N, C-alpha and C. Protein backbone atom coordinates (compact mmCIF):
# COMPACT_ATOMS: atom_id res chain seq x y z
N UNK A 1 -0.50 -12.83 8.77
CA UNK A 1 -1.37 -13.27 7.77
C UNK A 1 -0.73 -13.92 6.39
N UNK A 2 -1.36 -14.52 5.59
CA UNK A 2 -0.97 -14.93 4.62
C UNK A 2 -0.33 -14.19 3.56
N UNK A 3 0.18 -14.33 2.64
CA UNK A 3 0.23 -13.36 1.45
C UNK A 3 -0.67 -13.42 0.76
N UNK A 4 -1.63 -14.25 0.33
CA UNK A 4 -2.79 -14.23 -0.57
C UNK A 4 -3.82 -13.77 0.08
N UNK A 5 -4.10 -13.59 1.53
CA UNK A 5 -5.16 -12.93 2.36
C UNK A 5 -4.94 -11.43 2.21
N UNK A 6 -3.40 -10.93 2.24
CA UNK A 6 -2.88 -9.72 2.29
C UNK A 6 -3.50 -9.16 0.96
N UNK A 7 -3.16 -9.99 -0.49
CA UNK A 7 -3.34 -9.76 -1.69
C UNK A 7 -4.80 -9.29 -2.06
N UNK A 8 -5.33 -10.24 -1.69
CA UNK A 8 -6.98 -10.25 -1.89
C UNK A 8 -7.47 -9.07 -1.06
N UNK A 9 -6.85 -8.76 0.13
CA UNK A 9 -7.68 -7.60 0.83
C UNK A 9 -7.04 -5.93 0.07
N UNK A 10 -5.65 -6.23 -0.24
CA UNK A 10 -5.34 -4.88 -0.66
C UNK A 10 -6.03 -4.85 -2.44
N UNK A 11 -6.14 -6.17 -2.98
CA UNK A 11 -7.02 -5.65 -4.49
C UNK A 11 -8.42 -5.33 -3.87
N UNK A 12 -9.17 -5.35 -3.06
CA UNK A 12 -10.55 -4.95 -2.69
C UNK A 12 -10.44 -3.74 -1.96
N UNK A 13 -9.28 -3.58 -1.77
CA UNK A 13 -9.01 -1.56 -1.11
C UNK A 13 -8.94 -0.85 -2.71
N UNK A 14 -8.21 -1.24 -3.42
CA UNK A 14 -7.53 -0.76 -4.53
C UNK A 14 -9.29 -0.31 -5.22
N UNK A 15 -9.92 -1.35 -5.40
CA UNK A 15 -11.23 -1.40 -6.37
C UNK A 15 -12.12 -0.44 -5.74
N UNK A 16 -12.45 -0.57 -4.48
CA UNK A 16 -13.26 0.22 -3.78
C UNK A 16 -12.97 1.60 -3.88
N UNK A 17 -11.81 1.77 -3.46
CA UNK A 17 -11.31 3.26 -3.34
C UNK A 17 -11.13 4.01 -4.26
N UNK A 18 -10.78 3.12 -5.48
CA UNK A 18 -10.86 3.60 -6.93
C UNK A 18 -12.56 4.05 -7.39
N UNK A 19 -13.39 3.40 -6.81
CA UNK A 19 -15.06 3.64 -7.28
C UNK A 19 -15.39 4.65 -6.37
N UNK A 20 -14.83 4.86 -5.37
CA UNK A 20 -15.63 5.65 -4.20
C UNK A 20 -14.83 7.33 -4.32
N UNK A 21 -13.45 6.93 -4.87
CA UNK A 21 -12.67 8.34 -5.12
C UNK A 21 -12.03 8.29 -6.47
N UNK A 22 -12.78 8.43 -7.51
CA UNK A 22 -12.13 8.57 -8.54
C UNK A 22 -11.05 9.52 -9.25
N UNK A 23 -11.23 10.37 -8.66
CA UNK A 23 -10.11 11.66 -8.85
C UNK A 23 -8.87 11.30 -8.07
N UNK A 24 -9.03 10.86 -7.08
CA UNK A 24 -7.54 10.36 -6.57
C UNK A 24 -6.95 8.97 -7.05
N UNK A 25 -7.73 8.09 -7.17
CA UNK A 25 -6.80 6.79 -7.73
C UNK A 25 -7.75 6.14 -8.69
N UNK A 26 -7.18 6.01 -9.92
CA UNK A 26 -7.46 5.48 -11.34
C UNK A 26 -7.15 3.95 -11.28
N UNK A 27 -7.83 3.10 -11.40
CA UNK A 27 -7.80 1.79 -11.68
C UNK A 27 -8.23 1.12 -12.73
N UNK A 28 -7.21 0.56 -13.77
CA UNK A 28 -7.95 0.26 -15.28
C UNK A 28 -9.02 -0.85 -15.19
N UNK A 29 -8.67 -1.94 -14.23
CA UNK A 29 -9.58 -3.01 -14.16
C UNK A 29 -9.11 -3.86 -13.05
N UNK A 30 -9.73 -5.01 -12.59
CA UNK A 30 -9.70 -5.84 -11.33
C UNK A 30 -8.22 -6.80 -11.84
N UNK A 31 -7.93 -6.67 -12.78
CA UNK A 31 -6.73 -7.37 -13.01
C UNK A 31 -5.23 -6.68 -12.54
N UNK A 32 -5.64 -5.07 -13.03
CA UNK A 32 -4.52 -4.37 -12.87
C UNK A 32 -4.26 -4.14 -11.26
N UNK A 33 -5.77 -4.12 -10.60
CA UNK A 33 -5.74 -3.99 -8.91
C UNK A 33 -5.31 -5.22 -8.64
N UNK A 34 -5.20 -6.54 -8.95
CA UNK A 34 -4.47 -7.65 -8.62
C UNK A 34 -3.10 -7.55 -8.60
N UNK A 35 -2.59 -7.22 -10.00
CA UNK A 35 -1.29 -7.28 -10.10
C UNK A 35 -0.70 -6.06 -9.13
N UNK A 36 -1.36 -5.12 -9.31
CA UNK A 36 -0.91 -4.02 -8.18
C UNK A 36 -0.72 -4.24 -7.03
N UNK A 37 -1.31 -5.12 -6.16
CA UNK A 37 -1.36 -6.00 -5.00
C UNK A 37 -0.32 -6.96 -4.66
N UNK A 38 -0.14 -7.55 -5.76
CA UNK A 38 1.04 -8.63 -5.59
C UNK A 38 2.16 -7.83 -5.92
N UNK A 39 2.35 -6.87 -6.64
CA UNK A 39 3.61 -6.26 -6.75
C UNK A 39 3.92 -5.23 -5.15
N UNK A 40 2.79 -4.86 -4.46
CA UNK A 40 3.07 -3.96 -3.57
C UNK A 40 3.47 -5.02 -2.30
N UNK A 41 2.86 -6.20 -2.55
CA UNK A 41 2.94 -7.25 -1.48
C UNK A 41 4.57 -7.32 -1.59
N UNK A 42 5.07 -7.87 -2.81
CA UNK A 42 6.53 -8.22 -2.94
C UNK A 42 7.49 -6.97 -2.79
N UNK A 43 7.16 -5.91 -2.82
CA UNK A 43 7.93 -4.83 -2.62
C UNK A 43 8.03 -4.67 -0.88
N UNK A 44 6.67 -4.85 -0.24
CA UNK A 44 6.52 -4.80 1.03
C UNK A 44 7.64 -5.87 1.72
N UNK A 45 7.57 -6.98 1.28
CA UNK A 45 8.47 -8.01 1.53
C UNK A 45 9.87 -7.84 1.56
N UNK A 46 10.04 -7.21 0.15
CA UNK A 46 12.10 -7.36 0.01
C UNK A 46 12.53 -6.12 0.14
N UNK A 47 11.67 -4.87 -0.20
CA UNK A 47 12.44 -3.64 0.07
C UNK A 47 12.06 -2.89 1.37
N UNK A 48 10.74 -2.81 1.54
CA UNK A 48 10.52 -2.15 2.86
C UNK A 48 11.41 -2.57 4.09
N UNK A 49 11.54 -3.87 4.26
CA UNK A 49 12.83 -4.18 5.54
C UNK A 49 13.78 -3.45 5.31
N UNK A 50 14.51 -3.32 4.32
CA UNK A 50 15.64 -2.66 4.34
C UNK A 50 15.38 -1.10 4.41
N UNK A 51 14.26 -0.39 3.85
CA UNK A 51 14.11 0.87 4.01
C UNK A 51 13.86 1.27 5.74
N UNK A 52 13.35 0.49 6.12
CA UNK A 52 12.77 0.40 7.42
C UNK A 52 13.94 0.74 8.43
N UNK A 53 15.12 -0.36 8.13
CA UNK A 53 16.30 -0.02 9.01
C UNK A 53 17.04 1.02 8.43
N UNK A 54 17.20 1.52 7.03
CA UNK A 54 17.76 2.99 6.83
C UNK A 54 17.24 4.10 7.89
N UNK A 55 15.68 3.92 7.58
CA UNK A 55 15.24 5.22 8.10
C UNK A 55 14.61 5.26 9.49
N UNK A 56 15.43 4.18 10.37
CA UNK A 56 15.00 3.93 11.80
C UNK A 56 15.23 5.59 12.87
N UNK A 57 16.45 6.14 12.35
CA UNK A 57 16.45 7.29 13.15
C UNK A 57 15.33 8.20 13.11
N UNK A 58 14.95 8.62 11.82
CA UNK A 58 14.02 9.37 11.27
C UNK A 58 12.49 8.80 12.03
N UNK A 59 12.57 7.83 11.86
CA UNK A 59 10.83 7.14 12.22
C UNK A 59 10.99 6.96 13.76
N UNK A 60 12.14 6.93 14.46
CA UNK A 60 12.13 7.10 16.09
C UNK A 60 12.15 8.73 16.46
N UNK A 61 12.90 9.57 15.36
CA UNK A 61 12.37 11.13 15.59
C UNK A 61 11.25 11.49 15.37
N UNK A 62 10.36 10.93 14.68
CA UNK A 62 8.78 11.19 14.31
C UNK A 62 7.96 10.34 15.20
N UNK A 63 8.43 9.76 16.15
CA UNK A 63 7.43 8.56 16.84
C UNK A 63 6.59 7.90 16.08
N UNK A 64 7.59 7.57 14.77
CA UNK A 64 6.62 6.41 13.81
C UNK A 64 5.73 7.02 12.88
N UNK A 65 5.46 8.24 12.85
CA UNK A 65 4.92 8.55 11.88
C UNK A 65 5.51 8.61 10.33
N UNK A 66 6.88 8.57 10.41
CA UNK A 66 7.60 8.16 9.13
C UNK A 66 7.04 6.97 8.30
N UNK A 67 6.81 6.00 9.36
CA UNK A 67 6.40 4.69 8.64
C UNK A 67 5.13 4.80 7.47
N UNK A 68 4.31 5.73 7.87
CA UNK A 68 3.24 6.30 7.09
C UNK A 68 3.68 6.67 5.54
N UNK A 69 4.65 7.57 5.68
CA UNK A 69 5.31 8.06 4.65
C UNK A 69 6.00 7.17 3.85
N UNK A 70 6.68 5.86 4.43
CA UNK A 70 7.17 4.81 3.94
C UNK A 70 6.23 3.96 3.16
N UNK A 71 5.22 4.00 3.62
CA UNK A 71 3.80 3.20 2.99
C UNK A 71 3.77 3.83 1.95
N UNK A 72 3.57 4.87 1.85
CA UNK A 72 3.25 5.57 0.48
C UNK A 72 4.20 5.81 -0.45
N UNK A 73 5.74 5.85 -0.20
CA UNK A 73 6.68 5.71 -1.27
C UNK A 73 6.49 4.29 -1.52
N UNK A 74 6.21 3.40 -0.72
CA UNK A 74 6.06 1.93 -1.32
C UNK A 74 4.92 1.98 -2.85
N UNK A 75 3.77 2.65 -2.20
CA UNK A 75 2.58 2.93 -3.50
C UNK A 75 3.54 3.56 -4.80
N UNK A 76 4.26 4.36 -4.39
CA UNK A 76 4.68 5.25 -5.70
C UNK A 76 5.65 4.01 -6.42
N UNK A 77 6.41 3.21 -5.65
CA UNK A 77 7.13 2.33 -6.33
C UNK A 77 6.43 1.00 -7.01
N UNK A 78 5.05 0.91 -6.35
CA UNK A 78 4.53 0.11 -7.03
C UNK A 78 3.91 0.60 -8.48
N UNK A 79 3.49 1.96 -8.28
CA UNK A 79 2.94 2.45 -9.91
C UNK A 79 4.12 2.62 -10.62
N UNK A 80 5.54 2.58 -10.41
CA UNK A 80 6.50 2.36 -11.19
C UNK A 80 6.57 0.89 -12.02
N UNK A 81 5.78 0.11 -11.62
CA UNK A 81 6.25 -1.31 -12.16
C UNK A 81 4.81 -1.87 -12.78
N UNK A 82 3.74 -1.14 -12.48
CA UNK A 82 2.48 -1.58 -12.83
C UNK A 82 1.47 -0.31 -13.57
N UNK A 83 1.61 -0.68 -14.65
CA UNK A 83 0.68 0.27 -15.57
C UNK A 83 -0.62 0.37 -15.37
N UNK A 84 -1.49 1.07 -15.41
CA UNK A 84 -2.88 1.24 -15.23
C UNK A 84 -3.61 1.84 -13.88
N UNK A 85 -2.36 1.98 -12.84
CA UNK A 85 -3.11 2.51 -11.46
C UNK A 85 -2.18 4.11 -11.42
N UNK A 86 -3.21 4.95 -11.57
CA UNK A 86 -2.54 6.42 -11.26
C UNK A 86 -3.21 6.94 -10.13
N UNK A 87 -2.14 7.76 -9.46
CA UNK A 87 -2.67 8.36 -8.24
C UNK A 87 -2.64 10.09 -8.64
N UNK A 88 -3.46 10.72 -8.07
CA UNK A 88 -3.40 12.03 -8.30
C UNK A 88 -2.32 13.03 -7.51
N UNK A 89 -2.04 12.45 -6.54
CA UNK A 89 -0.88 13.11 -5.65
C UNK A 89 0.00 12.12 -4.73
N UNK A 90 0.77 12.71 -3.87
CA UNK A 90 1.32 11.88 -2.97
C UNK A 90 0.46 11.74 -1.59
N UNK A 91 -0.31 12.74 -1.38
CA UNK A 91 -1.39 12.81 -0.25
C UNK A 91 -2.42 11.96 -0.49
N UNK A 92 -2.78 11.64 -1.68
CA UNK A 92 -3.52 10.24 -1.86
C UNK A 92 -2.96 9.03 -1.72
N UNK A 93 -1.92 8.75 -2.03
CA UNK A 93 -1.02 7.61 -1.77
C UNK A 93 -1.07 7.58 -0.21
N UNK A 94 -0.72 8.69 0.55
CA UNK A 94 -0.58 8.20 1.84
C UNK A 94 -1.46 8.05 2.55
N UNK A 95 -2.79 8.63 1.90
CA UNK A 95 -4.17 8.35 2.47
C UNK A 95 -4.71 6.83 2.13
N UNK A 96 -4.43 6.47 0.91
CA UNK A 96 -4.45 4.86 0.62
C UNK A 96 -3.85 4.16 1.50
N UNK A 97 -2.38 4.62 1.75
CA UNK A 97 -1.51 3.87 2.71
C UNK A 97 -2.15 3.37 4.08
N UNK A 98 -2.34 4.48 4.36
CA UNK A 98 -3.10 4.51 5.76
C UNK A 98 -4.47 3.36 5.72
N UNK A 99 -5.19 3.77 4.77
CA UNK A 99 -6.57 2.68 4.63
C UNK A 99 -6.39 1.37 4.59
N UNK A 100 -5.11 0.82 3.85
CA UNK A 100 -4.65 -0.53 3.37
C UNK A 100 -4.07 -0.98 4.68
N UNK A 101 -3.40 -0.24 5.77
CA UNK A 101 -2.94 -0.82 6.83
C UNK A 101 -4.11 -0.93 7.67
N UNK A 102 -5.13 0.03 7.99
CA UNK A 102 -6.15 -0.36 8.80
C UNK A 102 -6.79 -1.57 8.20
N UNK A 103 -7.07 -1.79 7.22
CA UNK A 103 -7.69 -2.81 6.64
C UNK A 103 -7.12 -4.04 6.91
N UNK A 104 -5.66 -4.31 6.81
CA UNK A 104 -5.18 -5.35 6.72
C UNK A 104 -4.80 -5.44 8.43
N UNK A 105 -4.83 -4.53 9.36
CA UNK A 105 -4.92 -4.85 10.40
C UNK A 105 -6.32 -5.02 11.43
N UNK A 106 -7.43 -4.70 10.80
CA UNK A 106 -8.61 -5.22 11.27
C UNK A 106 -9.42 -6.65 10.84
N UNK A 107 -8.80 -6.50 9.51
CA UNK A 107 -9.43 -7.88 8.99
C UNK A 107 -8.30 -8.95 8.65
N UNK A 108 -7.28 -8.56 9.16
CA UNK A 108 -6.50 -9.68 9.13
C UNK A 108 -6.51 -10.81 10.17
N UNK A 109 -5.73 -11.90 9.80
CA UNK A 109 -6.00 -13.07 10.99
C UNK A 109 -5.51 -12.65 12.12
N UNK A 110 -5.93 -13.15 12.97
CA UNK A 110 -5.51 -12.69 14.73
C UNK A 110 -4.12 -13.38 14.93
N UNK A 111 -3.67 -12.66 15.48
CA UNK A 111 -1.96 -13.31 15.84
C UNK A 111 -2.23 -14.24 17.02
N UNK A 112 -1.13 -15.29 16.83
CA UNK A 112 -1.13 -16.37 17.87
C UNK A 112 -0.82 -16.29 18.92
């Protein structure tokens, strides 16, 4: 899936999720959501592969469930760089990470 398509889907998820569950996620405006999606995409492309390699034994031990924690941590790192996006806690980040993964999987481009 192209980077721009992932950014657009993630931006949409940020906006919709913050409207449905304002207690769990606060997004200042659509520009902040777009910036957060771009930063999250860059972090997923640059930092996440390194963390996946380092956490492989733990991922193997948990049968892949640790990847969800890793996705939640990517959202935490994104909030370090983007002002205007606030989560109520790590549980909300993990839930949003699961939703983003599901949306990108179902609405993404089919594999060749």
